[in-house]
Amino acid sequence: MPLWWQSILAALLLFAGATVVNRAAVKVGMFGGFSALPVSLFGFISCTILLSPNILSAATASVLTAFGTMFLIRTVQFVNDKESLFTGSLLLGTAAIAYYPAAILALVLVMAIFIFPLSFRQILIAFTGYLLPVLCTSYICWYMGGSFTDVPLNIYHNLFDGTLSINLNLEFNLRTLPLFTAAISAVLLIILLYGIMVGIYHRYTMLVPVRKSIQLTIWMTIITIASLFLPGCGITMLPTIAVPASILAAFSLDRMNTRWANIFYITLVTLILLHLVFY
């Protein structure tokens, strides 16, 4: 497929992902009303820090993660909503097939067990949904003459590069990042850290669905950002990181003093424009 076709499809997928993320955050009541902040922040994180060389696969994994996150957040709003739990887990598992390093999102389901919390039956439903795409793909691989373990082994090797060592990936080496990329990352990190502090400190003043959604988003952000340090991952994870990070950053700016929120947002936009001009 020509590169320009891949770019157009990736842009459409990322736009769909941004819309889904925004809808999920607004519907659960994180902002007390309508907000378009997650859409812009999603674009900032997924496309302007560093552009993934394999943008189509990264965008596919990102939109699947966005839909999966939306369904997981929906389980917070409706008690015993096993359908949404299964669908969300299934989409996260499919994201791992579309882009192997996205398999790290299995840890999100582990954290959901303690955050929601999930009953034993719900845990079985969640992990059945997550493993179903892997098992189906493994069966197809075996039917076509391959080994049933090829897919799990490929996921493992893509995550850890054949070892269990945790090293900073060469694609995302902090010492070689362009100046404006490092500055954008620093501003976003400050915003995310503030959102984490607000989510922890004021957790008991929030409505239960909002509190659980923020806790899930916090852990999801930490897990996906940590994936940058896995040998098999790299900047191709940025569109996937954008899913939870855009929700958390929007929540952070919404809870921040208006003056400081405007300063951070304008600074972020200015740095991004400078980055696009000079990079």
C-alpha atoms as a PDB file:
ATOM      1  CA  MET A   1       0.000   0.000   0.000  1.00  0.00           C
ATOM      2  CA  PRO A   2       1.419   3.459  -0.907  1.00  0.00           C
ATOM      3  CA  LEU A   3       2.656   5.546   1.998  1.00  0.00           C
ATOM      4  CA  TRP A   4       0.160   8.334   1.366  1.00  0.00           C
ATOM      5  CA  TRP A   5      -2.745   5.854   1.575  1.00  0.00           C
ATOM      6  CA  GLN A   6      -1.356   4.550   4.863  1.00  0.00           C
ATOM      7  CA  SER A   7      -1.100   8.113   6.153  1.00  0.00           C
ATOM      8  CA  ILE A   8      -4.719   8.916   5.211  1.00  0.00           C
ATOM      9  CA  LEU A   9      -6.051   5.712   6.804  1.00  0.00           C
ATOM     10  CA  ALA A  10      -3.948   6.286   9.923  1.00  0.00           C
ATOM     11  CA  ALA A  11      -5.250   9.868  10.215  1.00  0.00           C
ATOM     12  CA  LEU A  12      -8.867   8.655   9.942  1.00  0.00           C
ATOM     13  CA  LEU A  13      -8.250   5.933  12.536  1.00  0.00           C
ATOM     14  CA  LEU A  14      -6.602   8.382  14.943  1.00  0.00           C
ATOM     15  CA  PHE A  15      -9.470  10.851  14.489  1.00  0.00           C
ATOM     16  CA  ALA A  16     -11.939   8.059  15.298  1.00  0.00           C
ATOM     17  CA  GLY A  17      -9.869   7.120  18.357  1.00  0.00           C
ATOM     18  CA  ALA A  18      -9.778  10.731  19.574  1.00  0.00           C
ATOM     19  CA  THR A  19     -13.564  11.033  19.181  1.00  0.00           C
ATOM     20  CA  VAL A  20     -14.182   7.798  21.097  1.00  0.00           C
ATOM     21  CA  VAL A  21     -11.820   8.842  23.915  1.00  0.00           C
ATOM     22  CA  ASN A  22     -13.543  12.216  24.213  1.00  0.00           C
ATOM     23  CA  ARG A  23     -16.997  10.601  24.298  1.00  0.00           C
ATOM     24  CA  ALA A  24     -15.959   8.106  26.975  1.00  0.00           C
ATOM     25  CA  ALA A  25     -14.488  10.805  29.242  1.00  0.00           C
ATOM     26  CA  VAL A  26     -17.434  13.189  28.839  1.00  0.00           C
ATOM     27  CA  LYS A  27     -20.112  10.516  29.269  1.00  0.00           C
ATOM     28  CA  VAL A  28     -18.708   9.269  32.573  1.00  0.00           C
ATOM     29  CA  GLY A  29     -18.825  12.851  33.920  1.00  0.00           C
ATOM     30  CA  MET A  30     -15.137  13.654  34.325  1.00  0.00           C
ATOM     31  CA  PHE A  31     -15.587  17.311  33.326  1.00  0.00           C
ATOM     32  CA  GLY A  32     -19.053  18.121  34.621  1.00  0.00           C
ATOM     33  CA  GLY A  33     -20.126  19.017  31.080  1.00  0.00           C
ATOM     34  CA  PHE A  34     -18.986  18.913  27.474  1.00  0.00           C
ATOM     35  CA  SER A  35     -15.259  19.268  26.763  1.00  0.00           C
ATOM     36  CA  ALA A  36     -13.172  18.836  23.611  1.00  0.00           C
ATOM     37  CA  LEU A  37      -9.841  18.836  25.455  1.00  0.00           C
ATOM     38  CA  PRO A  38      -9.210  15.069  25.066  1.00  0.00           C
ATOM     39  CA  VAL A  39      -9.464  15.355  21.261  1.00  0.00           C
ATOM     40  CA  SER A  40      -6.733  17.997  20.941  1.00  0.00           C
ATOM     41  CA  LEU A  41      -4.521  16.370  23.567  1.00  0.00           C
ATOM     42  CA  PHE A  42      -4.906  13.014  21.814  1.00  0.00           C
ATOM     43  CA  GLY A  43      -3.617  14.607  18.621  1.00  0.00           C
ATOM     44  CA  PHE A  44      -0.724  16.305  20.433  1.00  0.00           C
ATOM     45  CA  ILE A  45       0.481  13.058  22.021  1.00  0.00           C
ATOM     46  CA  SER A  46      -0.082  10.683  19.095  1.00  0.00           C
ATOM     47  CA  CYS A  47       1.227  12.791  16.208  1.00  0.00           C
ATOM     48  CA  THR A  48       3.411  15.704  17.299  1.00  0.00           C
ATOM     49  CA  ILE A  49       5.957  14.402  19.836  1.00  0.00           C
ATOM     50  CA  LEU A  50       7.501  11.911  17.404  1.00  0.00           C
ATOM     51  CA  LEU A  51       5.796  10.331  14.396  1.00  0.00           C
ATOM     52  CA  SER A  52       5.713   6.545  14.366  1.00  0.00           C
ATOM     53  CA  PRO A  53       7.484   4.929  11.389  1.00  0.00           C
ATOM     54  CA  ASN A  54       4.800   2.212  11.349  1.00  0.00           C
ATOM     55  CA  ILE A  55       1.904   4.634  11.697  1.00  0.00           C
ATOM     56  CA  LEU A  56      -0.869   2.402  10.282  1.00  0.00           C
ATOM     57  CA  SER A  57      -0.304  -0.481  12.725  1.00  0.00           C
ATOM     58  CA  ALA A  58       0.146   1.982  15.583  1.00  0.00           C
ATOM     59  CA  ALA A  59      -3.077   3.823  14.660  1.00  0.00           C
ATOM     60  CA  THR A  60      -5.005   0.530  14.410  1.00  0.00           C
ATOM     61  CA  ALA A  61      -3.838  -0.527  17.867  1.00  0.00           C
ATOM     62  CA  SER A  62      -4.666   2.956  19.171  1.00  0.00           C
ATOM     63  CA  VAL A  63      -8.271   2.989  17.923  1.00  0.00           C
ATOM     64  CA  LEU A  64      -8.854  -0.553  19.238  1.00  0.00           C
ATOM     65  CA  THR A  65      -7.463   0.537  22.602  1.00  0.00           C
ATOM     66  CA  ALA A  66      -9.719   3.619  22.545  1.00  0.00           C
ATOM     67  CA  PHE A  67     -12.837   1.527  21.960  1.00  0.00           C
ATOM     68  CA  GLY A  68     -11.677  -1.011  24.562  1.00  0.00           C
ATOM     69  CA  THR A  69     -11.151   1.748  27.116  1.00  0.00           C
ATOM     70  CA  MET A  70     -14.598   3.181  26.376  1.00  0.00           C
ATOM     71  CA  PHE A  71     -16.238  -0.185  27.102  1.00  0.00           C
ATOM     72  CA  LEU A  72     -14.177  -0.706  30.275  1.00  0.00           C
ATOM     73  CA  ILE A  73     -15.221   2.734  31.526  1.00  0.00           C
ATOM     74  CA  ARG A  74     -18.823   1.816  30.719  1.00  0.00           C
ATOM     75  CA  THR A  75     -18.587  -1.139  33.135  1.00  0.00           C
ATOM     76  CA  VAL A  76     -18.034   1.414  35.913  1.00  0.00           C
ATOM     77  CA  GLN A  77     -21.258   3.218  35.054  1.00  0.00           C
ATOM     78  CA  PHE A  78     -23.448   0.098  34.900  1.00  0.00           C
ATOM     79  CA  VAL A  79     -23.118  -2.489  37.665  1.00  0.00           C
ATOM     80  CA  ASN A  80     -22.547  -6.077  36.452  1.00  0.00           C
ATOM     81  CA  ASP A  81     -22.310  -5.005  32.814  1.00  0.00           C
ATOM     82  CA  LYS A  82     -20.593  -8.182  31.653  1.00  0.00           C
ATOM     83  CA  GLU A  83     -21.183  -7.405  27.975  1.00  0.00           C
ATOM     84  CA  SER A  84     -19.122  -4.207  28.078  1.00  0.00           C
ATOM     85  CA  LEU A  85     -16.417  -5.926  30.134  1.00  0.00           C
ATOM     86  CA  PHE A  86     -16.121  -8.755  27.605  1.00  0.00           C
ATOM     87  CA  THR A  87     -16.192  -6.390  24.601  1.00  0.00           C
ATOM     88  CA  GLY A  88     -13.569  -4.063  26.126  1.00  0.00           C
ATOM     89  CA  SER A  89     -11.270  -6.989  26.932  1.00  0.00           C
ATOM     90  CA  LEU A  90     -11.804  -8.468  23.462  1.00  0.00           C
ATOM     91  CA  LEU A  91     -10.794  -5.171  21.819  1.00  0.00           C
ATOM     92  CA  LEU A  92      -7.657  -4.874  23.972  1.00  0.00           C
ATOM     93  CA  GLY A  93      -6.745  -8.440  22.986  1.00  0.00           C
ATOM     94  CA  THR A  94      -7.326  -7.597  19.314  1.00  0.00           C
ATOM     95  CA  ALA A  95      -5.046  -4.550  19.708  1.00  0.00           C
ATOM     96  CA  ALA A  96      -2.296  -6.924  20.825  1.00  0.00           C
ATOM     97  CA  ILE A  97      -2.720  -8.888  17.576  1.00  0.00           C
ATOM     98  CA  ALA A  98      -2.754  -5.731  15.432  1.00  0.00           C
ATOM     99  CA  TYR A  99       0.431  -4.498  17.106  1.00  0.00           C
ATOM    100  CA  TYR A 100       2.239  -7.010  19.311  1.00  0.00           C
ATOM    101  CA  PRO A 101       3.745  -4.555  21.876  1.00  0.00           C
ATOM    102  CA  ALA A 102       0.157  -3.519  22.775  1.00  0.00           C
ATOM    103  CA  ALA A 103      -0.014  -6.857  24.625  1.00  0.00           C
ATOM    104  CA  ILE A 104       1.288  -4.893  27.616  1.00  0.00           C
ATOM    105  CA  LEU A 105      -2.336  -3.720  28.021  1.00  0.00           C
ATOM    106  CA  ALA A 106      -3.094  -7.086  29.642  1.00  0.00           C
ATOM    107  CA  LEU A 107      -1.768  -5.442  32.815  1.00  0.00           C
ATOM    108  CA  VAL A 108      -4.685  -2.982  32.598  1.00  0.00           C
ATOM    109  CA  LEU A 109      -7.112  -5.867  33.146  1.00  0.00           C
ATOM    110  CA  VAL A 110      -5.050  -6.992  36.138  1.00  0.00           C
ATOM    111  CA  MET A 111      -5.375  -3.501  37.650  1.00  0.00           C
ATOM    112  CA  ALA A 112      -9.117  -3.441  36.835  1.00  0.00           C
ATOM    113  CA  ILE A 113      -9.572  -6.468  39.106  1.00  0.00           C
ATOM    114  CA  PHE A 114      -8.622  -4.317  42.107  1.00  0.00           C
ATOM    115  CA  ILE A 115     -10.053  -0.970  40.955  1.00  0.00           C
ATOM    116  CA  PHE A 116     -13.608  -1.959  40.027  1.00  0.00           C
ATOM    117  CA  PRO A 117     -13.373  -4.595  41.792  1.00  0.00           C
ATOM    118  CA  LEU A 118     -14.259  -7.630  39.672  1.00  0.00           C
ATOM    119  CA  SER A 119     -15.863 -10.831  40.897  1.00  0.00           C
ATOM    120  CA  PHE A 120     -14.321 -14.194  40.008  1.00  0.00           C
ATOM    121  CA  ARG A 121     -16.884 -14.632  37.233  1.00  0.00           C
ATOM    122  CA  GLN A 122     -16.093 -11.179  35.812  1.00  0.00           C
ATOM    123  CA  ILE A 123     -12.348 -11.953  35.924  1.00  0.00           C
ATOM    124  CA  LEU A 124     -12.961 -15.082  33.843  1.00  0.00           C
ATOM    125  CA  ILE A 125     -15.070 -13.070  31.385  1.00  0.00           C
ATOM    126  CA  ALA A 126     -12.401 -10.352  31.077  1.00  0.00           C
ATOM    127  CA  PHE A 127      -9.471 -12.675  30.461  1.00  0.00           C
ATOM    128  CA  THR A 128     -11.504 -14.945  28.166  1.00  0.00           C
ATOM    129  CA  GLY A 129     -12.303 -11.883  26.064  1.00  0.00           C
ATOM    130  CA  TYR A 130      -8.660 -10.790  26.067  1.00  0.00           C
ATOM    131  CA  LEU A 131      -7.244 -14.214  25.149  1.00  0.00           C
ATOM    132  CA  LEU A 132      -9.861 -15.059  22.522  1.00  0.00           C
ATOM    133  CA  PRO A 133      -8.176 -13.106  19.646  1.00  0.00           C
ATOM    134  CA  VAL A 134      -4.815 -14.664  20.549  1.00  0.00           C
ATOM    135  CA  LEU A 135      -6.281 -18.191  20.617  1.00  0.00           C
ATOM    136  CA  CYS A 136      -8.189 -17.658  17.341  1.00  0.00           C
ATOM    137  CA  THR A 137      -5.083 -16.304  15.616  1.00  0.00           C
ATOM    138  CA  SER A 138      -2.999 -19.183  16.990  1.00  0.00           C
ATOM    139  CA  TYR A 139      -5.550 -21.698  15.685  1.00  0.00           C
ATOM    140  CA  ILE A 140      -5.511 -20.105  12.205  1.00  0.00           C
ATOM    141  CA  CYS A 141      -1.702 -20.142  12.271  1.00  0.00           C
ATOM    142  CA  TRP A 142      -1.724 -23.844  13.233  1.00  0.00           C
ATOM    143  CA  TYR A 143      -4.351 -24.660  10.573  1.00  0.00           C
ATOM    144  CA  MET A 144      -2.186 -22.981   7.924  1.00  0.00           C
ATOM    145  CA  GLY A 145       0.736 -25.228   8.848  1.00  0.00           C
ATOM    146  CA  GLY A 146       2.508 -23.190  11.512  1.00  0.00           C
ATOM    147  CA  SER A 147       2.903 -23.834  15.215  1.00  0.00           C
ATOM    148  CA  PHE A 148       0.122 -23.067  17.709  1.00  0.00           C
ATOM    149  CA  THR A 149       2.656 -21.199  19.851  1.00  0.00           C
ATOM    150  CA  ASP A 150       3.946 -18.919  17.064  1.00  0.00           C
ATOM    151  CA  VAL A 151       1.671 -15.993  17.962  1.00  0.00           C
ATOM    152  CA  PRO A 152       2.374 -15.972  21.750  1.00  0.00           C
ATOM    153  CA  LEU A 153       6.102 -16.343  21.049  1.00  0.00           C
ATOM    154  CA  ASN A 154       6.016 -13.470  18.542  1.00  0.00           C
ATOM    155  CA  ILE A 155       4.260 -11.289  21.119  1.00  0.00           C
ATOM    156  CA  TYR A 156       6.895 -12.181  23.716  1.00  0.00           C
ATOM    157  CA  HIS A 157       9.822 -11.517  21.364  1.00  0.00           C
ATOM    158  CA  ASN A 158       8.317  -8.213  20.191  1.00  0.00           C
ATOM    159  CA  LEU A 159       7.912  -7.064  23.781  1.00  0.00           C
ATOM    160  CA  PHE A 160      11.214  -8.187  25.262  1.00  0.00           C
ATOM    161  CA  ASP A 161      13.357  -8.762  22.174  1.00  0.00           C
ATOM    162  CA  GLY A 162      14.070 -12.303  23.386  1.00  0.00           C
ATOM    163  CA  THR A 163      15.263 -11.225  26.846  1.00  0.00           C
ATOM    164  CA  LEU A 164      13.760 -10.038  30.094  1.00  0.00           C
ATOM    165  CA  SER A 165      16.121  -7.058  30.318  1.00  0.00           C
ATOM    166  CA  ILE A 166      14.493  -3.631  30.509  1.00  0.00           C
ATOM    167  CA  ASN A 167      16.443  -1.116  28.434  1.00  0.00           C
ATOM    168  CA  LEU A 168      15.580   2.242  26.949  1.00  0.00           C
ATOM    169  CA  ASN A 169      14.626   1.641  23.340  1.00  0.00           C
ATOM    170  CA  LEU A 170      16.856   3.305  20.768  1.00  0.00           C
ATOM    171  CA  GLU A 171      13.802   4.839  19.092  1.00  0.00           C
ATOM    172  CA  PHE A 172      13.005   6.774  22.248  1.00  0.00           C
ATOM    173  CA  ASN A 173      16.395   7.650  23.661  1.00  0.00           C
ATOM    174  CA  LEU A 174      16.043  10.597  26.029  1.00  0.00           C
ATOM    175  CA  ARG A 175      19.580  11.791  25.301  1.00  0.00           C
ATOM    176  CA  THR A 176      18.944  12.159  21.556  1.00  0.00           C
ATOM    177  CA  LEU A 177      15.453  13.671  21.593  1.00  0.00           C
ATOM    178  CA  PRO A 178      15.074  16.975  19.667  1.00  0.00           C
ATOM    179  CA  LEU A 179      14.847  20.052  21.910  1.00  0.00           C
ATOM    180  CA  PHE A 180      11.164  20.810  21.287  1.00  0.00           C
ATOM    181  CA  THR A 181      10.207  17.135  21.567  1.00  0.00           C
ATOM    182  CA  ALA A 182      11.832  17.007  25.002  1.00  0.00           C
ATOM    183  CA  ALA A 183      10.121  20.279  26.003  1.00  0.00           C
ATOM    184  CA  ILE A 184       6.671  19.030  24.872  1.00  0.00           C
ATOM    185  CA  SER A 185       7.228  15.755  26.743  1.00  0.00           C
ATOM    186  CA  ALA A 186       8.247  17.663  29.897  1.00  0.00           C
ATOM    187  CA  VAL A 187       5.138  19.906  29.826  1.00  0.00           C
ATOM    188  CA  LEU A 188       2.865  16.911  29.238  1.00  0.00           C
ATOM    189  CA  LEU A 189       4.572  15.029  32.057  1.00  0.00           C
ATOM    190  CA  ILE A 190       3.929  17.920  34.479  1.00  0.00           C
ATOM    191  CA  ILE A 191       0.251  18.002  33.453  1.00  0.00           C
ATOM    192  CA  LEU A 192      -0.058  14.221  33.868  1.00  0.00           C
ATOM    193  CA  LEU A 193       1.654  14.246  37.276  1.00  0.00           C
ATOM    194  CA  TYR A 194      -0.741  16.953  38.475  1.00  0.00           C
ATOM    195  CA  GLY A 195      -3.673  14.868  37.228  1.00  0.00           C
ATOM    196  CA  ILE A 196      -2.361  11.830  39.121  1.00  0.00           C
ATOM    197  CA  MET A 197      -1.988  13.864  42.334  1.00  0.00           C
ATOM    198  CA  VAL A 198      -5.511  15.304  42.004  1.00  0.00           C
ATOM    199  CA  GLY A 199      -6.921  11.854  41.234  1.00  0.00           C
ATOM    200  CA  ILE A 200      -5.296  10.396  44.358  1.00  0.00           C
ATOM    201  CA  TYR A 201      -5.761  13.306  46.771  1.00  0.00           C
ATOM    202  CA  HIS A 202      -9.400  14.087  45.873  1.00  0.00           C
ATOM    203  CA  ARG A 203     -10.511  10.538  45.105  1.00  0.00           C
ATOM    204  CA  TYR A 204     -13.138  10.443  47.865  1.00  0.00           C
ATOM    205  CA  THR A 205     -14.739  13.742  46.786  1.00  0.00           C
ATOM    206  CA  MET A 206     -15.535  12.379  43.310  1.00  0.00           C
ATOM    207  CA  LEU A 207     -18.505  10.332  42.210  1.00  0.00           C
ATOM    208  CA  VAL A 208     -17.737   6.602  42.230  1.00  0.00           C
ATOM    209  CA  PRO A 209     -17.807   6.165  38.410  1.00  0.00           C
ATOM    210  CA  VAL A 210     -15.471   9.147  37.948  1.00  0.00           C
ATOM    211  CA  ARG A 211     -13.102   7.962  40.684  1.00  0.00           C
ATOM    212  CA  LYS A 212     -12.819   4.433  39.277  1.00  0.00           C
ATOM    213  CA  SER A 213     -12.440   5.717  35.708  1.00  0.00           C
ATOM    214  CA  ILE A 214      -9.634   8.070  36.762  1.00  0.00           C
ATOM    215  CA  GLN A 215      -7.884   5.303  38.696  1.00  0.00           C
ATOM    216  CA  LEU A 216      -8.077   3.027  35.657  1.00  0.00           C
ATOM    217  CA  THR A 217      -6.792   5.852  33.427  1.00  0.00           C
ATOM    218  CA  ILE A 218      -3.892   6.597  35.802  1.00  0.00           C
ATOM    219  CA  TRP A 219      -2.709   2.983  35.824  1.00  0.00           C
ATOM    220  CA  MET A 220      -3.230   2.660  32.088  1.00  0.00           C
ATOM    221  CA  THR A 221      -1.119   5.795  31.508  1.00  0.00           C
ATOM    222  CA  ILE A 222       1.676   4.502  33.756  1.00  0.00           C
ATOM    223  CA  ILE A 223       1.669   1.071  32.083  1.00  0.00           C
ATOM    224  CA  THR A 224       1.713   2.419  28.517  1.00  0.00           C
ATOM    225  CA  ILE A 225       4.390   5.039  29.232  1.00  0.00           C
ATOM    226  CA  ALA A 226       6.507   2.338  30.904  1.00  0.00           C
ATOM    227  CA  SER A 227       6.267   0.335  27.657  1.00  0.00           C
ATOM    228  CA  LEU A 228       8.557   2.932  26.022  1.00  0.00           C
ATOM    229  CA  PHE A 229      11.358   1.403  28.083  1.00  0.00           C
ATOM    230  CA  LEU A 230      10.773  -2.127  26.776  1.00  0.00           C
ATOM    231  CA  PRO A 231      13.262  -3.187  24.072  1.00  0.00           C
ATOM    232  CA  GLY A 232      10.490  -4.278  21.699  1.00  0.00           C
ATOM    233  CA  CYS A 233       8.484  -1.068  21.953  1.00  0.00           C
ATOM    234  CA  GLY A 234       9.296   2.516  21.052  1.00  0.00           C
ATOM    235  CA  ILE A 235       7.649   5.533  19.516  1.00  0.00           C
ATOM    236  CA  THR A 236       5.096   3.300  17.784  1.00  0.00           C
ATOM    237  CA  MET A 237       3.414   3.091  21.214  1.00  0.00           C
ATOM    238  CA  LEU A 238       2.727   6.858  21.304  1.00  0.00           C
ATOM    239  CA  PRO A 239      -0.717   6.620  19.611  1.00  0.00           C
ATOM    240  CA  THR A 240      -1.664   3.947  22.167  1.00  0.00           C
ATOM    241  CA  ILE A 241      -0.279   6.019  25.051  1.00  0.00           C
ATOM    242  CA  ALA A 242      -2.406   8.907  23.764  1.00  0.00           C
ATOM    243  CA  VAL A 243      -5.609   7.059  24.725  1.00  0.00           C
ATOM    244  CA  PRO A 244      -5.270   7.163  28.548  1.00  0.00           C
ATOM    245  CA  ALA A 245      -2.847  10.113  28.630  1.00  0.00           C
ATOM    246  CA  SER A 246      -5.252  12.438  26.771  1.00  0.00           C
ATOM    247  CA  ILE A 247      -8.050  11.630  29.232  1.00  0.00           C
ATOM    248  CA  LEU A 248      -5.787  12.139  32.249  1.00  0.00           C
ATOM    249  CA  ALA A 249      -4.251  15.368  30.861  1.00  0.00           C
ATOM    250  CA  ALA A 250      -7.711  16.782  30.068  1.00  0.00           C
ATOM    251  CA  PHE A 251      -8.902  15.885  33.575  1.00  0.00           C
ATOM    252  CA  SER A 252      -5.787  17.571  34.995  1.00  0.00           C
ATOM    253  CA  LEU A 253      -6.333  20.826  33.058  1.00  0.00           C
ATOM    254  CA  ASP A 254     -10.048  20.801  33.955  1.00  0.00           C
ATOM    255  CA  ARG A 255      -9.247  20.552  37.694  1.00  0.00           C
ATOM    256  CA  MET A 256      -6.389  23.032  37.529  1.00  0.00           C
ATOM    257  CA  ASN A 257      -6.705  26.748  38.289  1.00  0.00           C
ATOM    258  CA  THR A 258      -8.018  28.384  35.092  1.00  0.00           C
ATOM    259  CA  ARG A 259      -5.032  30.725  34.809  1.00  0.00           C
ATOM    260  CA  TRP A 260      -2.483  27.921  35.138  1.00  0.00           C
ATOM    261  CA  ALA A 261      -4.482  25.645  32.830  1.00  0.00           C
ATOM    262  CA  ASN A 262      -4.431  28.333  30.125  1.00  0.00           C
ATOM    263  CA  ILE A 263      -0.696  28.894  30.625  1.00  0.00           C
ATOM    264  CA  PHE A 264       0.096  25.171  30.297  1.00  0.00           C
ATOM    265  CA  TYR A 265      -2.172  24.699  27.285  1.00  0.00           C
ATOM    266  CA  ILE A 266      -0.859  27.774  25.430  1.00  0.00           C
ATOM    267  CA  THR A 267       2.728  26.726  26.223  1.00  0.00           C
ATOM    268  CA  LEU A 268       2.006  23.257  24.867  1.00  0.00           C
ATOM    269  CA  VAL A 269       0.472  24.582  21.637  1.00  0.00           C
ATOM    270  CA  THR A 270       3.363  27.054  21.165  1.00  0.00           C
ATOM    271  CA  LEU A 271       5.988  24.333  21.619  1.00  0.00           C
ATOM    272  CA  ILE A 272       4.162  22.069  19.175  1.00  0.00           C
ATOM    273  CA  LEU A 273       4.026  24.821  16.528  1.00  0.00           C
ATOM    274  CA  LEU A 274       7.748  25.522  17.001  1.00  0.00           C
ATOM    275  CA  HIS A 275       8.453  21.800  16.805  1.00  0.00           C
ATOM    276  CA  LEU A 276       6.531  21.513  13.507  1.00  0.00           C
ATOM    277  CA  VAL A 277       8.382  24.505  12.049  1.00  0.00           C
ATOM    278  CA  PHE A 278      11.947  23.649  13.104  1.00  0.00           C
ATOM    279  CA  TYR A 279      12.006  19.827  13.361  1.00  0.00           C
END
